[in-house]
Amino acid sequence: MTPSFATLPDLIVEPLVRAALLEDLGQSGDVTTRAVIPMGTTYEASLNARSEGVVSGMQIARIAFHLVDPSLKIETLVPDGRPCAQGQTLMTIEGSAASILSGERVALNFAGRLSGVASLTASFVAETKGTETRVTCTRKTTPGLRMVEKQAVLHGGGYNHRYGLSDAILIKDNHIAAAGGVAAVLRAAKANVSHMMKVEIEVDRLDQLQEALDTGGADVVLLDNMDTPTLTQAVALAKGHLVTEASGNMRRDRIAEVSATGVDYISSGALTHSAQTLDLGLDF
């Protein structure tokens, strides 16, 4: 099952793209282009995939070029969330050659990075075929890029975990240690959180899971760094009581066997912190 996703409004994404353009153009703008490209030169350029994958970042590429020059004529041929083949043209940009060259690197940096995230996510999701398990990302994102990297995960068919620390209660091992144990931390959470706030607790042993079940107060249990036999037992123990999430050492070659345990979610930081940039190029 592929999740639906809504495109982020341009208004929300634009400041991120504008900051990247300002970083690249600096105080003097594109001095190379200004020096060597005659004023008034026009071209049509194509943004091409040099390897196959899943596309993300076309919205941002379009915003980047239009921030440089609103008069550029841009046509997106492969929208975000769609697969692409090697050699396929994803976008065409027509107009001032200088404007296209000035926006090229920012557009490609975003589109390549985000398409890499979407492509890696799609490969993880493919390993869950035939199960109800959903693949989700984490907060292990590039500082400043969380919004668009999480959107890229959706483009790849994955799901989003909490966006930030304010979205939900996620009690980790260090919280448990500092608060005095599983029961103590769950009682504290129950006493202090709104009825609208979900509570998830991380456990790495079956006895911790049983203690969480006995204490109550959690909605979700994060089963951390468990081997597959232990994970299978944990899912069976929690079934009907808690939503289950497997995390820790979730490599692509392990996703199929983990999803076969019946776990509800598999979370992996690799989707965003280890994705390889998809090779894209801009050709005149």
C-alpha atoms as a PDB file:
ATOM      1  CA  MET A   1       0.000   0.000   0.000  1.00  0.00           C
ATOM      2  CA  THR A   2       1.443   3.337  -1.080  1.00  0.00           C
ATOM      3  CA  PRO A   3       0.600   6.363   1.059  1.00  0.00           C
ATOM      4  CA  SER A   4      -0.907   9.444  -0.500  1.00  0.00           C
ATOM      5  CA  PHE A   5       0.987  12.680  -0.111  1.00  0.00           C
ATOM      6  CA  ALA A   6       0.252  16.319  -0.631  1.00  0.00           C
ATOM      7  CA  THR A   7       2.768  18.646  -2.229  1.00  0.00           C
ATOM      8  CA  LEU A   8       4.164  21.150   0.222  1.00  0.00           C
ATOM      9  CA  PRO A   9       2.946  24.676  -0.599  1.00  0.00           C
ATOM     10  CA  ASP A  10       5.535  26.705  -2.511  1.00  0.00           C
ATOM     11  CA  LEU A  11       5.251  29.391   0.162  1.00  0.00           C
ATOM     12  CA  ILE A  12       6.606  26.986   2.799  1.00  0.00           C
ATOM     13  CA  VAL A  13       9.444  25.598   0.678  1.00  0.00           C
ATOM     14  CA  GLU A  14      10.573  28.860  -0.919  1.00  0.00           C
ATOM     15  CA  PRO A  15      12.597  30.249   2.042  1.00  0.00           C
ATOM     16  CA  LEU A  16      14.711  27.083   2.091  1.00  0.00           C
ATOM     17  CA  VAL A  17      15.432  27.363  -1.630  1.00  0.00           C
ATOM     18  CA  ARG A  18      16.056  31.100  -1.411  1.00  0.00           C
ATOM     19  CA  ALA A  19      18.632  30.545   1.349  1.00  0.00           C
ATOM     20  CA  ALA A  20      20.451  27.984  -0.793  1.00  0.00           C
ATOM     21  CA  LEU A  21      20.542  30.376  -3.757  1.00  0.00           C
ATOM     22  CA  LEU A  22      21.894  33.177  -1.575  1.00  0.00           C
ATOM     23  CA  GLU A  23      24.581  30.829  -0.287  1.00  0.00           C
ATOM     24  CA  ASP A  24      25.608  29.908  -3.839  1.00  0.00           C
ATOM     25  CA  LEU A  25      25.359  33.310  -5.493  1.00  0.00           C
ATOM     26  CA  GLY A  26      27.083  35.169  -2.656  1.00  0.00           C
ATOM     27  CA  GLN A  27      27.519  38.923  -2.843  1.00  0.00           C
ATOM     28  CA  SER A  28      28.505  39.142  -6.499  1.00  0.00           C
ATOM     29  CA  GLY A  29      26.248  36.635  -8.215  1.00  0.00           C
ATOM     30  CA  ASP A  30      27.375  34.209 -10.924  1.00  0.00           C
ATOM     31  CA  VAL A  31      30.550  35.959 -12.056  1.00  0.00           C
ATOM     32  CA  THR A  32      31.499  33.205 -14.524  1.00  0.00           C
ATOM     33  CA  THR A  33      28.201  33.349 -16.383  1.00  0.00           C
ATOM     34  CA  ARG A  34      28.204  37.143 -16.386  1.00  0.00           C
ATOM     35  CA  ALA A  35      31.715  37.181 -17.847  1.00  0.00           C
ATOM     36  CA  VAL A  36      31.298  34.650 -20.648  1.00  0.00           C
ATOM     37  CA  ILE A  37      27.634  34.479 -21.676  1.00  0.00           C
ATOM     38  CA  PRO A  38      26.503  37.316 -23.980  1.00  0.00           C
ATOM     39  CA  MET A  39      23.517  39.261 -22.655  1.00  0.00           C
ATOM     40  CA  GLY A  40      20.257  38.103 -24.229  1.00  0.00           C
ATOM     41  CA  THR A  41      21.452  34.557 -24.986  1.00  0.00           C
ATOM     42  CA  THR A  42      18.586  32.063 -24.693  1.00  0.00           C
ATOM     43  CA  TYR A  43      18.609  28.281 -24.534  1.00  0.00           C
ATOM     44  CA  GLU A  44      16.441  25.330 -23.715  1.00  0.00           C
ATOM     45  CA  ALA A  45      17.948  23.006 -21.118  1.00  0.00           C
ATOM     46  CA  SER A  46      16.798  19.587 -19.992  1.00  0.00           C
ATOM     47  CA  LEU A  47      17.158  18.103 -16.509  1.00  0.00           C
ATOM     48  CA  ASN A  48      17.926  14.439 -17.143  1.00  0.00           C
ATOM     49  CA  ALA A  49      18.184  11.314 -15.015  1.00  0.00           C
ATOM     50  CA  ARG A  50      21.514   9.594 -15.498  1.00  0.00           C
ATOM     51  CA  SER A  51      20.377   6.582 -13.499  1.00  0.00           C
ATOM     52  CA  GLU A  52      16.993   5.064 -12.714  1.00  0.00           C
ATOM     53  CA  GLY A  53      15.170   5.815  -9.486  1.00  0.00           C
ATOM     54  CA  VAL A  54      12.214   7.626  -7.955  1.00  0.00           C
ATOM     55  CA  VAL A  55      11.892  11.351  -8.512  1.00  0.00           C
ATOM     56  CA  SER A  56      11.723  13.944  -5.763  1.00  0.00           C
ATOM     57  CA  GLY A  57      12.681  17.620  -5.730  1.00  0.00           C
ATOM     58  CA  MET A  58      11.116  18.708  -9.025  1.00  0.00           C
ATOM     59  CA  GLN A  59       8.978  21.225  -7.153  1.00  0.00           C
ATOM     60  CA  ILE A  60      12.101  22.639  -5.536  1.00  0.00           C
ATOM     61  CA  ALA A  61      14.031  22.728  -8.809  1.00  0.00           C
ATOM     62  CA  ARG A  62      11.191  24.695 -10.367  1.00  0.00           C
ATOM     63  CA  ILE A  63      11.152  27.136  -7.454  1.00  0.00           C
ATOM     64  CA  ALA A  64      14.932  27.586  -7.687  1.00  0.00           C
ATOM     65  CA  PHE A  65      14.851  28.504 -11.363  1.00  0.00           C
ATOM     66  CA  HIS A  66      11.861  30.817 -10.930  1.00  0.00           C
ATOM     67  CA  LEU A  67      13.449  32.617  -7.988  1.00  0.00           C
ATOM     68  CA  VAL A  68      16.433  33.378 -10.230  1.00  0.00           C
ATOM     69  CA  ASP A  69      14.222  34.381 -13.145  1.00  0.00           C
ATOM     70  CA  PRO A  70      10.402  34.292 -13.053  1.00  0.00           C
ATOM     71  CA  SER A  71      10.294  34.573 -16.863  1.00  0.00           C
ATOM     72  CA  LEU A  72      11.830  31.121 -17.404  1.00  0.00           C
ATOM     73  CA  LYS A  73       9.456  28.661 -19.038  1.00  0.00           C
ATOM     74  CA  ILE A  74       9.551  25.407 -17.085  1.00  0.00           C
ATOM     75  CA  GLU A  75       7.794  22.133 -17.848  1.00  0.00           C
ATOM     76  CA  THR A  76       7.948  19.220 -15.397  1.00  0.00           C
ATOM     77  CA  LEU A  77       7.740  15.968 -17.349  1.00  0.00           C
ATOM     78  CA  VAL A  78       8.178  13.523 -14.459  1.00  0.00           C
ATOM     79  CA  PRO A  79       6.580  14.803 -11.236  1.00  0.00           C
ATOM     80  CA  ASP A  80       7.670  14.023  -7.697  1.00  0.00           C
ATOM     81  CA  GLY A  81       6.831  10.504  -6.572  1.00  0.00           C
ATOM     82  CA  ARG A  82       7.121   8.900 -10.017  1.00  0.00           C
ATOM     83  CA  PRO A  83       9.787   6.424 -11.157  1.00  0.00           C
ATOM     84  CA  CYS A  84      12.277   7.452 -13.798  1.00  0.00           C
ATOM     85  CA  ALA A  85      14.467   5.550 -16.211  1.00  0.00           C
ATOM     86  CA  GLN A  86      18.117   6.204 -16.998  1.00  0.00           C
ATOM     87  CA  GLY A  87      18.320   8.902 -19.645  1.00  0.00           C
ATOM     88  CA  GLN A  88      14.775  10.156 -19.111  1.00  0.00           C
ATOM     89  CA  THR A  89      14.139  13.900 -19.212  1.00  0.00           C
ATOM     90  CA  LEU A  90      12.472  15.047 -15.999  1.00  0.00           C
ATOM     91  CA  MET A  91      12.132  18.781 -16.695  1.00  0.00           C
ATOM     92  CA  THR A  92      12.781  21.316 -19.420  1.00  0.00           C
ATOM     93  CA  ILE A  93      13.769  24.935 -18.777  1.00  0.00           C
ATOM     94  CA  GLU A  94      13.640  27.541 -21.528  1.00  0.00           C
ATOM     95  CA  GLY A  95      14.754  31.155 -21.484  1.00  0.00           C
ATOM     96  CA  SER A  96      17.789  33.187 -20.440  1.00  0.00           C
ATOM     97  CA  ALA A  97      20.916  31.029 -20.541  1.00  0.00           C
ATOM     98  CA  ALA A  98      22.451  33.079 -17.740  1.00  0.00           C
ATOM     99  CA  SER A  99      19.453  32.517 -15.477  1.00  0.00           C
ATOM    100  CA  ILE A 100      19.418  28.784 -16.138  1.00  0.00           C
ATOM    101  CA  LEU A 101      23.131  28.485 -15.366  1.00  0.00           C
ATOM    102  CA  SER A 102      22.808  30.531 -12.175  1.00  0.00           C
ATOM    103  CA  GLY A 103      20.058  28.302 -10.796  1.00  0.00           C
ATOM    104  CA  GLU A 104      21.481  25.003 -12.051  1.00  0.00           C
ATOM    105  CA  ARG A 105      23.522  23.856  -9.053  1.00  0.00           C
ATOM    106  CA  VAL A 106      20.939  24.583  -6.371  1.00  0.00           C
ATOM    107  CA  ALA A 107      18.223  22.885  -8.426  1.00  0.00           C
ATOM    108  CA  LEU A 108      20.391  19.807  -9.031  1.00  0.00           C
ATOM    109  CA  ASN A 109      21.633  19.603  -5.448  1.00  0.00           C
ATOM    110  CA  PHE A 110      18.101  19.481  -4.094  1.00  0.00           C
ATOM    111  CA  ALA A 111      16.673  17.228  -6.794  1.00  0.00           C
ATOM    112  CA  GLY A 112      19.556  14.743  -6.688  1.00  0.00           C
ATOM    113  CA  ARG A 113      19.589  14.535  -2.896  1.00  0.00           C
ATOM    114  CA  LEU A 114      15.836  14.181  -2.536  1.00  0.00           C
ATOM    115  CA  SER A 115      15.512  11.715  -5.413  1.00  0.00           C
ATOM    116  CA  GLY A 116      18.177   9.632  -3.678  1.00  0.00           C
ATOM    117  CA  VAL A 117      16.078   9.574  -0.495  1.00  0.00           C
ATOM    118  CA  ALA A 118      12.940   8.672  -2.445  1.00  0.00           C
ATOM    119  CA  SER A 119      14.752   5.934  -4.374  1.00  0.00           C
ATOM    120  CA  LEU A 120      16.254   4.335  -1.273  1.00  0.00           C
ATOM    121  CA  THR A 121      12.888   4.466   0.465  1.00  0.00           C
ATOM    122  CA  ALA A 122      11.225   2.765  -2.502  1.00  0.00           C
ATOM    123  CA  SER A 123      13.776  -0.041  -2.350  1.00  0.00           C
ATOM    124  CA  PHE A 124      12.993  -0.610   1.344  1.00  0.00           C
ATOM    125  CA  VAL A 125       9.250  -0.515   0.713  1.00  0.00           C
ATOM    126  CA  ALA A 126       9.613  -3.112  -2.056  1.00  0.00           C
ATOM    127  CA  GLU A 127      11.019  -5.568   0.504  1.00  0.00           C
ATOM    128  CA  THR A 128       7.753  -5.415   2.512  1.00  0.00           C
ATOM    129  CA  LYS A 129       5.610  -6.646  -0.392  1.00  0.00           C
ATOM    130  CA  GLY A 130       2.841  -8.984   0.734  1.00  0.00           C
ATOM    131  CA  THR A 131       2.781  -7.649   4.288  1.00  0.00           C
ATOM    132  CA  GLU A 132       1.006  -4.795   6.074  1.00  0.00           C
ATOM    133  CA  THR A 133       4.268  -3.399   7.463  1.00  0.00           C
ATOM    134  CA  ARG A 134       4.970   0.253   6.753  1.00  0.00           C
ATOM    135  CA  VAL A 135       8.441   1.732   6.323  1.00  0.00           C
ATOM    136  CA  THR A 136       9.016   5.019   8.128  1.00  0.00           C
ATOM    137  CA  CYS A 137      11.828   7.532   8.481  1.00  0.00           C
ATOM    138  CA  THR A 138      13.259   9.074  11.662  1.00  0.00           C
ATOM    139  CA  ARG A 139      14.635  12.424  12.843  1.00  0.00           C
ATOM    140  CA  LYS A 140      18.091  11.531  11.492  1.00  0.00           C
ATOM    141  CA  THR A 141      17.826  14.145   8.794  1.00  0.00           C
ATOM    142  CA  THR A 142      20.153  16.799   7.392  1.00  0.00           C
ATOM    143  CA  PRO A 143      19.878  19.912   9.592  1.00  0.00           C
ATOM    144  CA  GLY A 144      17.635  22.412   7.868  1.00  0.00           C
ATOM    145  CA  LEU A 145      16.346  19.897   5.306  1.00  0.00           C
ATOM    146  CA  ARG A 146      14.005  17.794   7.450  1.00  0.00           C
ATOM    147  CA  MET A 147      10.849  19.128   5.838  1.00  0.00           C
ATOM    148  CA  VAL A 148      11.857  18.215   2.290  1.00  0.00           C
ATOM    149  CA  GLU A 149      13.660  14.985   3.189  1.00  0.00           C
ATOM    150  CA  LYS A 150      10.562  13.717   4.968  1.00  0.00           C
ATOM    151  CA  GLN A 151       8.530  14.682   1.916  1.00  0.00           C
ATOM    152  CA  ALA A 152      10.975  12.677  -0.224  1.00  0.00           C
ATOM    153  CA  VAL A 153      10.330   9.625   1.978  1.00  0.00           C
ATOM    154  CA  LEU A 154       6.638   9.975   1.133  1.00  0.00           C
ATOM    155  CA  HIS A 155       7.541  10.244  -2.545  1.00  0.00           C
ATOM    156  CA  GLY A 156       9.315   6.896  -2.215  1.00  0.00           C
ATOM    157  CA  GLY A 157       6.246   5.197  -0.746  1.00  0.00           C
ATOM    158  CA  GLY A 158       7.310   5.394   2.890  1.00  0.00           C
ATOM    159  CA  TYR A 159       5.711   7.065   5.882  1.00  0.00           C
ATOM    160  CA  ASN A 160       6.823   9.753   8.287  1.00  0.00           C
ATOM    161  CA  HIS A 161       7.618   9.227  11.958  1.00  0.00           C
ATOM    162  CA  ARG A 162       7.265  12.257  14.238  1.00  0.00           C
ATOM    163  CA  TYR A 163       8.514  15.449  12.656  1.00  0.00           C
ATOM    164  CA  GLY A 164      10.218  16.778  15.777  1.00  0.00           C
ATOM    165  CA  LEU A 165      10.445  16.606  19.538  1.00  0.00           C
ATOM    166  CA  SER A 166       7.117  18.378  20.000  1.00  0.00           C
ATOM    167  CA  ASP A 167       4.970  15.956  17.993  1.00  0.00           C
ATOM    168  CA  ALA A 168       4.733  12.979  20.339  1.00  0.00           C
ATOM    169  CA  ILE A 169       6.172  11.418  23.477  1.00  0.00           C
ATOM    170  CA  LEU A 170       8.958   9.001  22.537  1.00  0.00           C
ATOM    171  CA  ILE A 171      10.564   7.536  25.645  1.00  0.00           C
ATOM    172  CA  LYS A 172      14.050   6.247  24.817  1.00  0.00           C
ATOM    173  CA  ASP A 173      16.534   4.193  26.826  1.00  0.00           C
ATOM    174  CA  ASN A 174      18.178   7.287  28.303  1.00  0.00           C
ATOM    175  CA  HIS A 175      14.823   8.621  29.473  1.00  0.00           C
ATOM    176  CA  ILE A 176      14.130   5.266  31.147  1.00  0.00           C
ATOM    177  CA  ALA A 177      17.512   5.261  32.854  1.00  0.00           C
ATOM    178  CA  ALA A 178      17.163   8.846  34.080  1.00  0.00           C
ATOM    179  CA  ALA A 179      13.563   8.413  35.269  1.00  0.00           C
ATOM    180  CA  GLY A 180      14.097   5.179  37.213  1.00  0.00           C
ATOM    181  CA  GLY A 181      12.762   2.447  34.937  1.00  0.00           C
ATOM    182  CA  VAL A 182       9.988   1.502  32.540  1.00  0.00           C
ATOM    183  CA  ALA A 183       7.122   1.669  35.043  1.00  0.00           C
ATOM    184  CA  ALA A 184       8.284   4.970  36.530  1.00  0.00           C
ATOM    185  CA  VAL A 185       8.675   6.710  33.199  1.00  0.00           C
ATOM    186  CA  LEU A 186       5.304   5.515  31.900  1.00  0.00           C
ATOM    187  CA  ARG A 187       3.528   6.653  35.056  1.00  0.00           C
ATOM    188  CA  ALA A 188       5.198  10.059  34.727  1.00  0.00           C
ATOM    189  CA  ALA A 189       4.204  10.323  31.083  1.00  0.00           C
ATOM    190  CA  LYS A 190       0.616   9.379  31.845  1.00  0.00           C
ATOM    191  CA  ALA A 191       0.429  12.008  34.598  1.00  0.00           C
ATOM    192  CA  ASN A 192       1.860  14.842  32.514  1.00  0.00           C
ATOM    193  CA  VAL A 193       0.794  14.523  28.878  1.00  0.00           C
ATOM    194  CA  SER A 194      -2.343  15.690  27.130  1.00  0.00           C
ATOM    195  CA  HIS A 195      -4.939  13.109  26.207  1.00  0.00           C
ATOM    196  CA  MET A 196      -4.270  14.173  22.598  1.00  0.00           C
ATOM    197  CA  MET A 197      -0.592  13.145  22.717  1.00  0.00           C
ATOM    198  CA  LYS A 198       0.548   9.666  21.667  1.00  0.00           C
ATOM    199  CA  VAL A 199       3.120   7.878  23.845  1.00  0.00           C
ATOM    200  CA  GLU A 200       5.764   5.504  22.492  1.00  0.00           C
ATOM    201  CA  ILE A 201       8.310   3.646  24.614  1.00  0.00           C
ATOM    202  CA  GLU A 202      11.516   1.969  23.501  1.00  0.00           C
ATOM    203  CA  VAL A 203      12.388  -1.496  24.817  1.00  0.00           C
ATOM    204  CA  ASP A 204      15.155  -3.874  23.872  1.00  0.00           C
ATOM    205  CA  ARG A 205      14.184  -6.887  26.008  1.00  0.00           C
ATOM    206  CA  LEU A 206      11.027  -8.946  26.395  1.00  0.00           C
ATOM    207  CA  ASP A 207      10.865  -8.341  30.140  1.00  0.00           C
ATOM    208  CA  GLN A 208      10.814  -4.572  29.493  1.00  0.00           C
ATOM    209  CA  LEU A 209       7.984  -5.074  27.028  1.00  0.00           C
ATOM    210  CA  GLN A 210       6.018  -7.078  29.575  1.00  0.00           C
ATOM    211  CA  GLU A 211       6.573  -4.368  32.173  1.00  0.00           C
ATOM    212  CA  ALA A 212       5.290  -1.747  29.710  1.00  0.00           C
ATOM    213  CA  LEU A 213       2.192  -3.851  29.043  1.00  0.00           C
ATOM    214  CA  ASP A 214       1.574  -4.375  32.758  1.00  0.00           C
ATOM    215  CA  THR A 215       2.017  -0.672  33.558  1.00  0.00           C
ATOM    216  CA  GLY A 216      -0.030   0.721  30.689  1.00  0.00           C
ATOM    217  CA  GLY A 217       0.090   4.272  29.412  1.00  0.00           C
ATOM    218  CA  ALA A 218       1.837   3.588  26.081  1.00  0.00           C
ATOM    219  CA  ASP A 219       0.261   3.546  22.627  1.00  0.00           C
ATOM    220  CA  VAL A 220       3.263   2.341  20.655  1.00  0.00           C
ATOM    221  CA  VAL A 221       6.295   0.214  21.514  1.00  0.00           C
ATOM    222  CA  LEU A 222       9.618   0.627  19.736  1.00  0.00           C
ATOM    223  CA  LEU A 223      11.339  -2.759  19.612  1.00  0.00           C
ATOM    224  CA  ASP A 224      14.970  -1.753  19.409  1.00  0.00           C
ATOM    225  CA  ASN A 225      17.870  -3.820  18.056  1.00  0.00           C
ATOM    226  CA  MET A 226      16.138  -7.172  18.529  1.00  0.00           C
ATOM    227  CA  ASP A 227      17.143 -10.216  16.525  1.00  0.00           C
ATOM    228  CA  THR A 228      14.387 -11.685  14.390  1.00  0.00           C
ATOM    229  CA  PRO A 229      13.343 -14.542  16.746  1.00  0.00           C
ATOM    230  CA  THR A 230      13.065 -12.113  19.686  1.00  0.00           C
ATOM    231  CA  LEU A 231      11.237  -9.605  17.531  1.00  0.00           C
ATOM    232  CA  THR A 232       8.743 -12.288  16.522  1.00  0.00           C
ATOM    233  CA  GLN A 233       8.038 -13.034  20.193  1.00  0.00           C
ATOM    234  CA  ALA A 234       7.716  -9.344  20.998  1.00  0.00           C
ATOM    235  CA  VAL A 235       5.221  -8.705  18.191  1.00  0.00           C
ATOM    236  CA  ALA A 236       3.099 -11.651  19.354  1.00  0.00           C
ATOM    237  CA  LEU A 237       3.215 -10.407  22.956  1.00  0.00           C
ATOM    238  CA  ALA A 238       2.189  -6.855  22.030  1.00  0.00           C
ATOM    239  CA  LYS A 239      -0.427  -7.779  19.413  1.00  0.00           C
ATOM    240  CA  GLY A 240      -3.785  -6.275  20.219  1.00  0.00           C
ATOM    241  CA  HIS A 241      -2.296  -4.072  22.939  1.00  0.00           C
ATOM    242  CA  LEU A 242       0.303  -1.789  21.345  1.00  0.00           C
ATOM    243  CA  VAL A 243       1.281  -0.641  17.877  1.00  0.00           C
ATOM    244  CA  THR A 244       4.691  -2.165  17.165  1.00  0.00           C
ATOM    245  CA  GLU A 245       7.716  -0.543  15.568  1.00  0.00           C
ATOM    246  CA  ALA A 246      10.992  -2.294  14.798  1.00  0.00           C
ATOM    247  CA  SER A 247      14.113  -0.150  14.788  1.00  0.00           C
ATOM    248  CA  GLY A 248      17.882  -0.488  14.951  1.00  0.00           C
ATOM    249  CA  ASN A 249      20.080  -2.175  12.356  1.00  0.00           C
ATOM    250  CA  MET A 250      17.277  -2.056   9.795  1.00  0.00           C
ATOM    251  CA  ARG A 251      19.291  -2.678   6.650  1.00  0.00           C
ATOM    252  CA  ARG A 252      17.580  -3.243   3.314  1.00  0.00           C
ATOM    253  CA  ASP A 253      18.666  -6.900   3.264  1.00  0.00           C
ATOM    254  CA  ARG A 254      16.849  -7.441   6.555  1.00  0.00           C
ATOM    255  CA  ILE A 255      13.557  -5.693   5.813  1.00  0.00           C
ATOM    256  CA  ALA A 256      11.783  -8.708   4.298  1.00  0.00           C
ATOM    257  CA  GLU A 257      12.393 -10.983   7.297  1.00  0.00           C
ATOM    258  CA  VAL A 258      11.513  -8.221   9.760  1.00  0.00           C
ATOM    259  CA  SER A 259       8.249  -7.378   7.996  1.00  0.00           C
ATOM    260  CA  ALA A 260       7.383 -11.103   8.007  1.00  0.00           C
ATOM    261  CA  THR A 261       7.174 -10.964  11.824  1.00  0.00           C
ATOM    262  CA  GLY A 262       3.967  -8.928  11.500  1.00  0.00           C
ATOM    263  CA  VAL A 263       5.444  -5.742  12.979  1.00  0.00           C
ATOM    264  CA  ASP A 264       3.381  -2.655  12.136  1.00  0.00           C
ATOM    265  CA  TYR A 265       6.239  -0.286  11.324  1.00  0.00           C
ATOM    266  CA  ILE A 266       9.922  -0.477  10.487  1.00  0.00           C
ATOM    267  CA  SER A 267      11.799   2.755  11.127  1.00  0.00           C
ATOM    268  CA  SER A 268      15.170   3.408   9.564  1.00  0.00           C
ATOM    269  CA  GLY A 269      17.405   6.439   9.835  1.00  0.00           C
ATOM    270  CA  ALA A 270      19.265   5.187   6.761  1.00  0.00           C
ATOM    271  CA  LEU A 271      16.484   6.457   4.511  1.00  0.00           C
ATOM    272  CA  THR A 272      17.678  10.001   5.098  1.00  0.00           C
ATOM    273  CA  HIS A 273      21.200   9.776   6.525  1.00  0.00           C
ATOM    274  CA  SER A 274      22.611   7.187   4.118  1.00  0.00           C
ATOM    275  CA  ALA A 275      20.783   7.791   0.835  1.00  0.00           C
ATOM    276  CA  GLN A 276      23.066   8.131  -2.186  1.00  0.00           C
ATOM    277  CA  THR A 277      22.343  11.135  -4.377  1.00  0.00           C
ATOM    278  CA  LEU A 278      20.605  10.162  -7.602  1.00  0.00           C
ATOM    279  CA  ASP A 279      22.744  11.161 -10.576  1.00  0.00           C
ATOM    280  CA  LEU A 280      20.973  13.971 -12.403  1.00  0.00           C
ATOM    281  CA  GLY A 281      22.355  16.397 -14.959  1.00  0.00           C
ATOM    282  CA  LEU A 282      21.346  19.584 -16.715  1.00  0.00           C
ATOM    283  CA  ASP A 283      22.092  19.526 -20.428  1.00  0.00           C
ATOM    284  CA  PHE A 284      21.854  22.419 -22.913  1.00  0.00           C
END
